Structure formats: C-alpha cells, structure tokens
Amino acid sequence: MKDDDVLAFIRERGEILQKDLWKEMGIDSRKCSKILKRLEERGMVEREKTTVDGVVTFRITAIRKPELNHLPPCFGCPESYCEPAECEKLDVWVWTVGIKMSGED
C-alpha cells in the first residue's frame, strides 16, 4: 500500500477515523500509523486526537492546498517598479509554486 493510495482514500472521504481507515483499506494498524505519520510530516493530513466509544483514536483530515495562480503576482501589480527580493507577494508565490512542483499538491 502506497502513501498516495491512502491519501487519495482520505481525500475521497473528507475525513475518517484512523481506526476505521486501516480496517477499510485492509492494512494493519501499525502500517497505517507509519503511513499517516509520513503524510502528516509532509503536511498532507492532520491528525486530531479523539475518543470514540471510550477508545482513543485520531480523526484524519486531508489538507487541501489552494489552487495555484500560474501567473506571478507581478502581472497586474499596481507598482511601476519593485525590488523582487523585497516583494512579499512574489516570495509567497515562489514558495507555493515550489511546493506544487515538488509533487505535494
């Protein structure tokens, strides 16, 4: 089972309890925990501790990243000239594009 398969399953559901996730995906709880830890470290899911019927588990939610605007903020910028190294909007755009290009949609 690949991390991306688990992520796709979580995204389809919106959110799911960890105890249900490993059962529904047919993987053991230990492997599920390792996959979720990697996804959480990559910023792809959030895990929120919760108690259901007296059992501690985690509510898993996929983190949805905003769609990218493929044009840099310089297009349409009201400033006639700015210093790119000091432009906060450009800096945020460059980092966002970098994350998108790294495959962490």
PDB file of N, CA and C in Angstrom:
ATOM      1  N   MET A   1       0.860  -1.185   0.000  1.00  0.00           N
ATOM      2  CA  MET A   1       0.000   0.000   0.000  1.00  0.00           C
ATOM      3  C   MET A   1       0.897   1.235   0.000  1.00  0.00           C
ATOM      4  N   LYS A   2       0.645   2.136  -0.936  1.00  0.00           N
ATOM      5  CA  LYS A   2       1.427   3.352  -1.064  1.00  0.00           C
ATOM      6  C   LYS A   2       0.779   4.491  -0.287  1.00  0.00           C
ATOM      7  N   ASP A   3       1.623   5.443   0.135  1.00  0.00           N
ATOM      8  CA  ASP A   3       1.132   6.619   0.840  1.00  0.00           C
ATOM      9  C   ASP A   3       0.079   7.352   0.014  1.00  0.00           C
ATOM     10  N   ASP A   4       0.327   7.474  -1.294  1.00  0.00           N
ATOM     11  CA  ASP A   4      -0.596   8.203  -2.162  1.00  0.00           C
ATOM     12  C   ASP A   4      -1.967   7.526  -2.246  1.00  0.00           C
ATOM     13  N   ASP A   5      -1.993   6.197  -2.146  1.00  0.00           N
ATOM     14  CA  ASP A   5      -3.273   5.483  -2.156  1.00  0.00           C
ATOM     15  C   ASP A   5      -4.081   5.834  -0.906  1.00  0.00           C
ATOM     16  N   VAL A   6      -3.399   5.866   0.218  1.00  0.00           N
ATOM     17  CA  VAL A   6      -4.066   6.206   1.483  1.00  0.00           C
ATOM     18  C   VAL A   6      -4.544   7.653   1.436  1.00  0.00           C
ATOM     19  N   LEU A   7      -3.695   8.547   0.939  1.00  0.00           N
ATOM     20  CA  LEU A   7      -4.074   9.959   0.841  1.00  0.00           C
ATOM     21  C   LEU A   7      -5.298  10.129  -0.062  1.00  0.00           C
ATOM     22  N   ALA A   8      -5.313   9.453  -1.179  1.00  0.00           N
ATOM     23  CA  ALA A   8      -6.458   9.542  -2.096  1.00  0.00           C
ATOM     24  C   ALA A   8      -7.737   9.056  -1.416  1.00  0.00           C
ATOM     25  N   PHE A   9      -7.635   7.983  -0.644  1.00  0.00           N
ATOM     26  CA  PHE A   9      -8.790   7.444   0.072  1.00  0.00           C
ATOM     27  C   PHE A   9      -9.314   8.459   1.083  1.00  0.00           C
ATOM     28  N   ILE A  10      -8.390   9.094   1.811  1.00  0.00           N
ATOM     29  CA  ILE A  10      -8.785  10.094   2.816  1.00  0.00           C
ATOM     30  C   ILE A  10      -9.430  11.292   2.128  1.00  0.00           C
ATOM     31  N   ARG A  11      -8.857  11.722   1.019  1.00  0.00           N
ATOM     32  CA  ARG A  11      -9.429  12.868   0.287  1.00  0.00           C
ATOM     33  C   ARG A  11     -10.830  12.569  -0.218  1.00  0.00           C
ATOM     34  N   GLU A  12     -11.071  11.347  -0.665  1.00  0.00           N
ATOM     35  CA  GLU A  12     -12.413  10.965  -1.120  1.00  0.00           C
ATOM     36  C   GLU A  12     -13.424  11.060   0.011  1.00  0.00           C
ATOM     37  N   ARG A  13     -13.006  10.683   1.204  1.00  0.00           N
ATOM     38  CA  ARG A  13     -13.901  10.671   2.363  1.00  0.00           C
ATOM     39  C   ARG A  13     -14.030  12.033   3.031  1.00  0.00           C
ATOM     40  N   GLY A  14     -13.051  12.895   2.860  1.00  0.00           N
ATOM     41  CA  GLY A  14     -13.047  14.185   3.550  1.00  0.00           C
ATOM     42  C   GLY A  14     -12.370  14.072   4.898  1.00  0.00           C
ATOM     43  N   GLU A  15     -12.862  13.164   5.705  1.00  0.00           N
ATOM     44  CA  GLU A  15     -12.227  12.842   6.990  1.00  0.00           C
ATOM     45  C   GLU A  15     -12.626  11.433   7.371  1.00  0.00           C
ATOM     46  N   ILE A  16     -11.803  10.810   8.206  1.00  0.00           N
ATOM     47  CA  ILE A  16     -12.074   9.442   8.628  1.00  0.00           C
ATOM     48  C   ILE A  16     -11.335   9.201   9.939  1.00  0.00           C
ATOM     49  N   LEU A  17     -11.882   8.323  10.760  1.00  0.00           N
ATOM     50  CA  LEU A  17     -11.187   7.933  11.973  1.00  0.00           C
ATOM     51  C   LEU A  17     -10.077   6.945  11.615  1.00  0.00           C
ATOM     52  N   GLN A  18      -8.947   7.079  12.292  1.00  0.00           N
ATOM     53  CA  GLN A  18      -7.816   6.202  11.992  1.00  0.00           C
ATOM     54  C   GLN A  18      -8.185   4.739  12.185  1.00  0.00           C
ATOM     55  N   LYS A  19      -8.968   4.439  13.225  1.00  0.00           N
ATOM     56  CA  LYS A  19      -9.357   3.049  13.486  1.00  0.00           C
ATOM     57  C   LYS A  19     -10.211   2.473  12.351  1.00  0.00           C
ATOM     58  N   ASP A  20     -10.940   3.335  11.658  1.00  0.00           N
ATOM     59  CA  ASP A  20     -11.745   2.885  10.522  1.00  0.00           C
ATOM     60  C   ASP A  20     -10.912   2.819   9.239  1.00  0.00           C
ATOM     61  N   LEU A  21      -9.965   3.729   9.122  1.00  0.00           N
ATOM     62  CA  LEU A  21      -9.135   3.800   7.915  1.00  0.00           C
ATOM     63  C   LEU A  21      -8.389   2.497   7.661  1.00  0.00           C
ATOM     64  N   TRP A  22      -7.681   1.999   8.675  1.00  0.00           N
ATOM     65  CA  TRP A  22      -6.887   0.793   8.439  1.00  0.00           C
ATOM     66  C   TRP A  22      -7.766  -0.422   8.185  1.00  0.00           C
ATOM     67  N   LYS A  23      -8.934  -0.447   8.811  1.00  0.00           N
ATOM     68  CA  LYS A  23      -9.851  -1.571   8.572  1.00  0.00           C
ATOM     69  C   LYS A  23     -10.407  -1.521   7.152  1.00  0.00           C
ATOM     70  N   GLU A  24     -10.868  -0.339   6.735  1.00  0.00           N
ATOM     71  CA  GLU A  24     -11.482  -0.207   5.411  1.00  0.00           C
ATOM     72  C   GLU A  24     -10.467  -0.381   4.278  1.00  0.00           C
ATOM     73  N   MET A  25      -9.206  -0.044   4.539  1.00  0.00           N
ATOM     74  CA  MET A  25      -8.187  -0.174   3.496  1.00  0.00           C
ATOM     75  C   MET A  25      -7.525  -1.547   3.511  1.00  0.00           C
ATOM     76  N   GLY A  26      -7.817  -2.343   4.536  1.00  0.00           N
ATOM     77  CA  GLY A  26      -7.262  -3.685   4.612  1.00  0.00           C
ATOM     78  C   GLY A  26      -5.771  -3.719   4.917  1.00  0.00           C
ATOM     79  N   ILE A  27      -5.308  -2.779   5.732  1.00  0.00           N
ATOM     80  CA  ILE A  27      -3.902  -2.778   6.160  1.00  0.00           C
ATOM     81  C   ILE A  27      -3.858  -2.854   7.670  1.00  0.00           C
ATOM     82  N   ASP A  28      -2.740  -3.320   8.208  1.00  0.00           N
ATOM     83  CA  ASP A  28      -2.674  -3.434   9.667  1.00  0.00           C
ATOM     84  C   ASP A  28      -2.474  -2.052  10.296  1.00  0.00           C
ATOM     85  N   SER A  29      -2.852  -1.932  11.554  1.00  0.00           N
ATOM     86  CA  SER A  29      -2.859  -0.640  12.235  1.00  0.00           C
ATOM     87  C   SER A  29      -1.463  -0.031  12.329  1.00  0.00           C
ATOM     88  N   ARG A  30      -0.432  -0.865  12.495  1.00  0.00           N
ATOM     89  CA  ARG A  30       0.937  -0.352  12.602  1.00  0.00           C
ATOM     90  C   ARG A  30       1.381   0.290  11.289  1.00  0.00           C
ATOM     91  N   LYS A  31       1.118  -0.387  10.169  1.00  0.00           N
ATOM     92  CA  LYS A  31       1.484   0.159   8.860  1.00  0.00           C
ATOM     93  C   LYS A  31       0.705   1.438   8.593  1.00  0.00           C
ATOM     94  N   CYS A  32      -0.571   1.449   8.948  1.00  0.00           N
ATOM     95  CA  CYS A  32      -1.406   2.631   8.771  1.00  0.00           C
ATOM     96  C   CYS A  32      -0.821   3.813   9.549  1.00  0.00           C
ATOM     97  N   SER A  33      -0.402   3.583  10.778  1.00  0.00           N
ATOM     98  CA  SER A  33       0.183   4.640  11.607  1.00  0.00           C
ATOM     99  C   SER A  33       1.435   5.212  10.965  1.00  0.00           C
ATOM    100  N   LYS A  34       2.276   4.352  10.410  1.00  0.00           N
ATOM    101  CA  LYS A  34       3.514   4.810   9.771  1.00  0.00           C
ATOM    102  C   LYS A  34       3.215   5.653   8.537  1.00  0.00           C
ATOM    103  N   ILE A  35       2.252   5.202   7.733  1.00  0.00           N
ATOM    104  CA  ILE A  35       1.871   5.958   6.538  1.00  0.00           C
ATOM    105  C   ILE A  35       1.323   7.325   6.938  1.00  0.00           C
ATOM    106  N   LEU A  36       0.437   7.348   7.938  1.00  0.00           N
ATOM    107  CA  LEU A  36      -0.159   8.613   8.372  1.00  0.00           C
ATOM    108  C   LEU A  36       0.889   9.552   8.952  1.00  0.00           C
ATOM    109  N   LYS A  37       1.866   9.016   9.639  1.00  0.00           N
ATOM    110  CA  LYS A  37       2.937   9.854  10.184  1.00  0.00           C
ATOM    111  C   LYS A  37       3.704  10.532   9.048  1.00  0.00           C
ATOM    112  N   ARG A  38       4.015   9.768   7.989  1.00  0.00           N
ATOM    113  CA  ARG A  38       4.726  10.352   6.845  1.00  0.00           C
ATOM    114  C   ARG A  38       3.871  11.425   6.165  1.00  0.00           C
ATOM    115  N   LEU A  39       2.583  11.142   5.981  1.00  0.00           N
ATOM    116  CA  LEU A  39       1.688  12.113   5.348  1.00  0.00           C
ATOM    117  C   LEU A  39       1.558  13.373   6.191  1.00  0.00           C
ATOM    118  N   GLU A  40       1.520  13.205   7.500  1.00  0.00           N
ATOM    119  CA  GLU A  40       1.422  14.353   8.400  1.00  0.00           C
ATOM    120  C   GLU A  40       2.710  15.187   8.331  1.00  0.00           C
ATOM    121  N   GLU A  41       3.855  14.527   8.300  1.00  0.00           N
ATOM    122  CA  GLU A  41       5.135  15.237   8.205  1.00  0.00           C
ATOM    123  C   GLU A  41       5.251  16.015   6.905  1.00  0.00           C
ATOM    124  N   ARG A  42       4.642  15.509   5.842  1.00  0.00           N
ATOM    125  CA  ARG A  42       4.655  16.191   4.538  1.00  0.00           C
ATOM    126  C   ARG A  42       3.582  17.286   4.460  1.00  0.00           C
ATOM    127  N   GLY A  43       2.774  17.419   5.502  1.00  0.00           N
ATOM    128  CA  GLY A  43       1.733  18.438   5.509  1.00  0.00           C
ATOM    129  C   GLY A  43       0.528  18.076   4.663  1.00  0.00           C
ATOM    130  N   MET A  44       0.300  16.787   4.454  1.00  0.00           N
ATOM    131  CA  MET A  44      -0.792  16.341   3.601  1.00  0.00           C
ATOM    132  C   MET A  44      -2.059  16.014   4.386  1.00  0.00           C
ATOM    133  N   VAL A  45      -1.906  15.639   5.661  1.00  0.00           N
ATOM    134  CA  VAL A  45      -3.054  15.325   6.512  1.00  0.00           C
ATOM    135  C   VAL A  45      -2.849  15.931   7.894  1.00  0.00           C
ATOM    136  N   GLU A  46      -3.954  16.088   8.594  1.00  0.00           N
ATOM    137  CA  GLU A  46      -3.926  16.483  10.003  1.00  0.00           C
ATOM    138  C   GLU A  46      -4.518  15.344  10.814  1.00  0.00           C
ATOM    139  N   ARG A  47      -3.926  15.108  11.980  1.00  0.00           N
ATOM    140  CA  ARG A  47      -4.458  14.085  12.891  1.00  0.00           C
ATOM    141  C   ARG A  47      -4.875  14.774  14.172  1.00  0.00           C
ATOM    142  N   GLU A  48      -6.138  14.584  14.542  1.00  0.00           N
ATOM    143  CA  GLU A  48      -6.681  15.178  15.761  1.00  0.00           C
ATOM    144  C   GLU A  48      -7.102  14.055  16.706  1.00  0.00           C
ATOM    145  N   LYS A  49      -6.512  14.040  17.889  1.00  0.00           N
ATOM    146  CA  LYS A  49      -6.828  13.002  18.873  1.00  0.00           C
ATOM    147  C   LYS A  49      -8.279  13.135  19.307  1.00  0.00           C
ATOM    148  N   THR A  50      -8.973  12.001  19.362  1.00  0.00           N
ATOM    149  CA  THR A  50     -10.379  11.990  19.753  1.00  0.00           C
ATOM    150  C   THR A  50     -10.683  10.668  20.451  1.00  0.00           C
ATOM    151  N   THR A  51     -11.777  10.626  21.176  1.00  0.00           N
ATOM    152  CA  THR A  51     -12.217   9.403  21.838  1.00  0.00           C
ATOM    153  C   THR A  51     -13.586   9.018  21.299  1.00  0.00           C
ATOM    154  N   VAL A  52     -13.688   7.766  20.843  1.00  0.00           N
ATOM    155  CA  VAL A  52     -14.943   7.252  20.296  1.00  0.00           C
ATOM    156  C   VAL A  52     -15.287   5.971  21.037  1.00  0.00           C
ATOM    157  N   ASP A  53     -16.445   5.952  21.685  1.00  0.00           N
ATOM    158  CA  ASP A  53     -16.885   4.787  22.466  1.00  0.00           C
ATOM    159  C   ASP A  53     -15.815   4.344  23.465  1.00  0.00           C
ATOM    160  N   GLY A  54     -15.160   5.329  24.106  1.00  0.00           N
ATOM    161  CA  GLY A  54     -14.153   5.036  25.120  1.00  0.00           C
ATOM    162  C   GLY A  54     -12.791   4.638  24.577  1.00  0.00           C
ATOM    163  N   VAL A  55     -12.628   4.640  23.260  1.00  0.00           N
ATOM    164  CA  VAL A  55     -11.365   4.259  22.629  1.00  0.00           C
ATOM    165  C   VAL A  55     -10.711   5.506  22.034  1.00  0.00           C
ATOM    166  N   VAL A  56      -9.421   5.700  22.362  1.00  0.00           N
ATOM    167  CA  VAL A  56      -8.681   6.832  21.816  1.00  0.00           C
ATOM    168  C   VAL A  56      -8.243   6.493  20.391  1.00  0.00           C
ATOM    169  N   THR A  57      -8.522   7.418  19.479  1.00  0.00           N
ATOM    170  CA  THR A  57      -8.121   7.261  18.078  1.00  0.00           C
ATOM    171  C   THR A  57      -7.821   8.652  17.541  1.00  0.00           C
ATOM    172  N   PHE A  58      -7.627   8.765  16.249  1.00  0.00           N
ATOM    173  CA  PHE A  58      -7.374  10.054  15.619  1.00  0.00           C
ATOM    174  C   PHE A  58      -8.370  10.286  14.498  1.00  0.00           C
ATOM    175  N   ARG A  59      -8.827  11.531  14.389  1.00  0.00           N
ATOM    176  CA  ARG A  59      -9.645  11.945  13.256  1.00  0.00           C
ATOM    177  C   ARG A  59      -8.665  12.448  12.207  1.00  0.00           C
ATOM    178  N   ILE A  60      -8.677  11.834  11.038  1.00  0.00           N
ATOM    179  CA  ILE A  60      -7.742  12.160   9.967  1.00  0.00           C
ATOM    180  C   ILE A  60      -8.459  13.028   8.935  1.00  0.00           C
ATOM    181  N   THR A  61      -7.855  14.154   8.610  1.00  0.00           N
ATOM    182  CA  THR A  61      -8.412  15.077   7.630  1.00  0.00           C
ATOM    183  C   THR A  61      -7.337  15.413   6.609  1.00  0.00           C
ATOM    184  N   ALA A  62      -7.683  15.340   5.328  1.00  0.00           N
ATOM    185  CA  ALA A  62      -6.747  15.736   4.279  1.00  0.00           C
ATOM    186  C   ALA A  62      -6.656  17.254   4.253  1.00  0.00           C
ATOM    187  N   ILE A  63      -5.450  17.757   4.094  1.00  0.00           N
ATOM    188  CA  ILE A  63      -5.242  19.198   3.985  1.00  0.00           C
ATOM    189  C   ILE A  63      -5.338  19.557   2.519  1.00  0.00           C
ATOM    190  N   ARG A  64      -6.270  20.398   2.221  1.00  0.00           N
ATOM    191  CA  ARG A  64      -6.471  20.839   0.840  1.00  0.00           C
ATOM    192  C   ARG A  64      -5.668  22.113   0.618  1.00  0.00           C
ATOM    193  N   LYS A  65      -4.800  22.076  -0.357  1.00  0.00           N
ATOM    194  CA  LYS A  65      -3.998  23.252  -0.687  1.00  0.00           C
ATOM    195  C   LYS A  65      -4.738  24.052  -1.757  1.00  0.00           C
ATOM    196  N   PRO A  66      -4.656  25.371  -1.695  1.00  0.00           N
ATOM    197  CA  PRO A  66      -5.355  26.185  -2.689  1.00  0.00           C
ATOM    198  C   PRO A  66      -4.771  25.978  -4.080  1.00  0.00           C
ATOM    199  N   GLU A  67      -5.628  26.136  -5.077  1.00  0.00           N
ATOM    200  CA  GLU A  67      -5.162  26.054  -6.463  1.00  0.00           C
ATOM    201  C   GLU A  67      -4.213  27.209  -6.738  1.00  0.00           C
ATOM    202  N   LEU A  68      -3.217  26.929  -7.546  1.00  0.00           N
ATOM    203  CA  LEU A  68      -2.239  27.950  -7.874  1.00  0.00           C
ATOM    204  C   LEU A  68      -2.722  28.872  -8.983  1.00  0.00           C
ATOM    205  N   ASN A  69      -2.380  30.102  -8.841  1.00  0.00           N
ATOM    206  CA  ASN A  69      -2.488  31.025  -9.951  1.00  0.00           C
ATOM    207  C   ASN A  69      -1.136  30.922 -10.646  1.00  0.00           C
ATOM    208  N   HIS A  70      -1.123  30.491 -11.895  1.00  0.00           N
ATOM    209  CA  HIS A  70       0.139  30.221 -12.567  1.00  0.00           C
ATOM    210  C   HIS A  70       0.890  31.474 -12.960  1.00  0.00           C
ATOM    211  N   LEU A  71       0.260  32.637 -12.922  1.00  0.00           N
ATOM    212  CA  LEU A  71       0.963  33.873 -13.220  1.00  0.00           C
ATOM    213  C   LEU A  71       1.472  34.481 -11.928  1.00  0.00           C
ATOM    214  N   PRO A  72       2.690  34.977 -11.935  1.00  0.00           N
ATOM    215  CA  PRO A  72       3.205  35.607 -10.718  1.00  0.00           C
ATOM    216  C   PRO A  72       2.429  36.877 -10.399  1.00  0.00           C
ATOM    217  N   PRO A  73       2.462  37.302  -9.164  1.00  0.00           N
ATOM    218  CA  PRO A  73       1.690  38.477  -8.770  1.00  0.00           C
ATOM    219  C   PRO A  73       2.179  39.758  -9.440  1.00  0.00           C
ATOM    220  N   CYS A  74       3.333  39.716 -10.083  1.00  0.00           N
ATOM    221  CA  CYS A  74       3.861  40.903 -10.769  1.00  0.00           C
ATOM    222  C   CYS A  74       2.942  41.344 -11.906  1.00  0.00           C
ATOM    223  N   PHE A  75       2.271  40.383 -12.550  1.00  0.00           N
ATOM    224  CA  PHE A  75       1.335  40.734 -13.608  1.00  0.00           C
ATOM    225  C   PHE A  75       0.132  41.412 -12.969  1.00  0.00           C
ATOM    226  N   GLY A  76      -0.110  42.610 -13.367  1.00  0.00           N
ATOM    227  CA  GLY A  76      -1.231  43.354 -12.809  1.00  0.00           C
ATOM    228  C   GLY A  76      -0.899  44.076 -11.514  1.00  0.00           C
ATOM    229  N   CYS A  77       0.348  44.033 -11.110  1.00  0.00           N
ATOM    230  CA  CYS A  77       0.753  44.713  -9.877  1.00  0.00           C
ATOM    231  C   CYS A  77       0.683  46.228 -10.101  1.00  0.00           C
ATOM    232  N   PRO A  78       0.104  46.962  -9.156  1.00  0.00           N
ATOM    233  CA  PRO A  78      -0.018  48.412  -9.334  1.00  0.00           C
ATOM    234  C   PRO A  78       1.317  49.156  -9.223  1.00  0.00           C
ATOM    235  N   GLU A  79       2.330  48.512  -8.677  1.00  0.00           N
ATOM    236  CA  GLU A  79       3.624  49.173  -8.548  1.00  0.00           C
ATOM    237  C   GLU A  79       4.295  49.243  -9.915  1.00  0.00           C
ATOM    238  N   SER A  80       4.817  50.398 -10.274  1.00  0.00           N
ATOM    239  CA  SER A  80       5.501  50.516 -11.568  1.00  0.00           C
ATOM    240  C   SER A  80       6.860  49.816 -11.504  1.00  0.00           C
ATOM    241  N   TYR A  81       7.437  49.745 -10.333  1.00  0.00           N
ATOM    242  CA  TYR A  81       8.709  49.046 -10.164  1.00  0.00           C
ATOM    243  C   TYR A  81       8.796  48.607  -8.712  1.00  0.00           C
ATOM    244  N   CYS A  82       9.253  47.395  -8.512  1.00  0.00           N
ATOM    245  CA  CYS A  82       9.508  46.951  -7.136  1.00  0.00           C
ATOM    246  C   CYS A  82      10.798  46.143  -7.126  1.00  0.00           C
ATOM    247  N   GLU A  83      11.307  45.924  -5.974  1.00  0.00           N
ATOM    248  CA  GLU A  83      12.521  45.121  -5.799  1.00  0.00           C
ATOM    249  C   GLU A  83      12.064  43.694  -5.529  1.00  0.00           C
ATOM    250  N   PRO A  84      12.264  42.757  -6.495  1.00  0.00           N
ATOM    251  CA  PRO A  84      11.771  41.388  -6.318  1.00  0.00           C
ATOM    252  C   PRO A  84      12.219  40.731  -5.009  1.00  0.00           C
ATOM    253  N   ALA A  85      13.417  41.007  -4.567  1.00  0.00           N
ATOM    254  CA  ALA A  85      13.915  40.400  -3.327  1.00  0.00           C
ATOM    255  C   ALA A  85      13.136  40.880  -2.107  1.00  0.00           C
ATOM    256  N   GLU A  86      12.423  41.991  -2.242  1.00  0.00           N
ATOM    257  CA  GLU A  86      11.678  42.554  -1.110  1.00  0.00           C
ATOM    258  C   GLU A  86      10.162  42.468  -1.280  1.00  0.00           C
ATOM    259  N   CYS A  87       9.706  41.800  -2.330  1.00  0.00           N
ATOM    260  CA  CYS A  87       8.273  41.709  -2.609  1.00  0.00           C
ATOM    261  C   CYS A  87       7.695  40.484  -1.898  1.00  0.00           C
ATOM    262  N   GLU A  88       6.887  40.716  -0.868  1.00  0.00           N
ATOM    263  CA  GLU A  88       6.306  39.618  -0.090  1.00  0.00           C
ATOM    264  C   GLU A  88       5.368  38.758  -0.935  1.00  0.00           C
ATOM    265  N   LYS A  89       4.566  39.380  -1.797  1.00  0.00           N
ATOM    266  CA  LYS A  89       3.634  38.625  -2.639  1.00  0.00           C
ATOM    267  C   LYS A  89       4.384  37.688  -3.582  1.00  0.00           C
ATOM    268  N   LEU A  90       5.475  38.177  -4.168  1.00  0.00           N
ATOM    269  CA  LEU A  90       6.276  37.351  -5.069  1.00  0.00           C
ATOM    270  C   LEU A  90       6.934  36.208  -4.303  1.00  0.00           C
ATOM    271  N   ASP A  91       7.409  36.500  -3.111  1.00  0.00           N
ATOM    272  CA  ASP A  91       8.048  35.479  -2.282  1.00  0.00           C
ATOM    273  C   ASP A  91       7.073  34.349  -1.962  1.00  0.00           C
ATOM    274  N   VAL A  92       5.853  34.684  -1.560  1.00  0.00           N
ATOM    275  CA  VAL A  92       4.829  33.667  -1.253  1.00  0.00           C
ATOM    276  C   VAL A  92       4.507  32.855  -2.504  1.00  0.00           C
ATOM    277  N   TRP A  93       4.364  33.524  -3.652  1.00  0.00           N
ATOM    278  CA  TRP A  93       4.057  32.836  -4.896  1.00  0.00           C
ATOM    279  C   TRP A  93       5.155  31.848  -5.268  1.00  0.00           C
ATOM    280  N   VAL A  94       6.420  32.265  -5.153  1.00  0.00           N
ATOM    281  CA  VAL A  94       7.543  31.391  -5.497  1.00  0.00           C
ATOM    282  C   VAL A  94       7.553  30.153  -4.599  1.00  0.00           C
ATOM    283  N   TRP A  95       7.336  30.324  -3.311  1.00  0.00           N
ATOM    284  CA  TRP A  95       7.312  29.177  -2.397  1.00  0.00           C
ATOM    285  C   TRP A  95       6.143  28.246  -2.710  1.00  0.00           C
ATOM    286  N   THR A  96       4.995  28.803  -3.032  1.00  0.00           N
ATOM    287  CA  THR A  96       3.827  27.998  -3.352  1.00  0.00           C
ATOM    288  C   THR A  96       4.056  27.189  -4.622  1.00  0.00           C
ATOM    289  N   VAL A  97       4.634  27.810  -5.636  1.00  0.00           N
ATOM    290  CA  VAL A  97       4.947  27.103  -6.873  1.00  0.00           C
ATOM    291  C   VAL A  97       5.959  25.997  -6.599  1.00  0.00           C
ATOM    292  N   GLY A  98       6.940  26.271  -5.756  1.00  0.00           N
ATOM    293  CA  GLY A  98       7.941  25.256  -5.411  1.00  0.00           C
ATOM    294  C   GLY A  98       7.321  24.043  -4.749  1.00  0.00           C
ATOM    295  N   ILE A  99       6.378  24.260  -3.857  1.00  0.00           N
ATOM    296  CA  ILE A  99       5.697  23.146  -3.193  1.00  0.00           C
ATOM    297  C   ILE A  99       4.893  22.361  -4.219  1.00  0.00           C
ATOM    298  N   LYS A 100       4.186  23.053  -5.094  1.00  0.00           N
ATOM    299  CA  LYS A 100       3.367  22.407  -6.116  1.00  0.00           C
ATOM    300  C   LYS A 100       4.246  21.570  -7.042  1.00  0.00           C
ATOM    301  N   MET A 101       5.381  22.098  -7.440  1.00  0.00           N
ATOM    302  CA  MET A 101       6.269  21.398  -8.368  1.00  0.00           C
ATOM    303  C   MET A 101       6.958  20.212  -7.716  1.00  0.00           C
ATOM    304  N   SER A 102       7.042  20.225  -6.380  1.00  0.00           N
ATOM    305  CA  SER A 102       7.676  19.103  -5.692  1.00  0.00           C
ATOM    306  C   SER A 102       6.746  17.893  -5.588  1.00  0.00           C
ATOM    307  N   GLY A 103       5.505  18.068  -6.056  1.00  0.00           N
ATOM    308  CA  GLY A 103       4.564  16.946  -6.065  1.00  0.00           C
ATOM    309  C   GLY A 103       3.697  16.844  -4.836  1.00  0.00           C
ATOM    310  N   GLU A 104       3.752  17.840  -3.967  1.00  0.00           N
ATOM    311  CA  GLU A 104       2.960  17.809  -2.740  1.00  0.00           C
ATOM    312  C   GLU A 104       1.699  18.623  -2.913  1.00  0.00           C
ATOM    313  N   ASP A 105       1.033  18.445  -4.018  1.00  0.00           N
ATOM    314  CA  ASP A 105      -0.154  19.228  -4.361  1.00  0.00           C
ATOM    315  C   ASP A 105      -0.917  19.621  -3.152  1.00  0.00           C
TER     316      ASP A 105
END
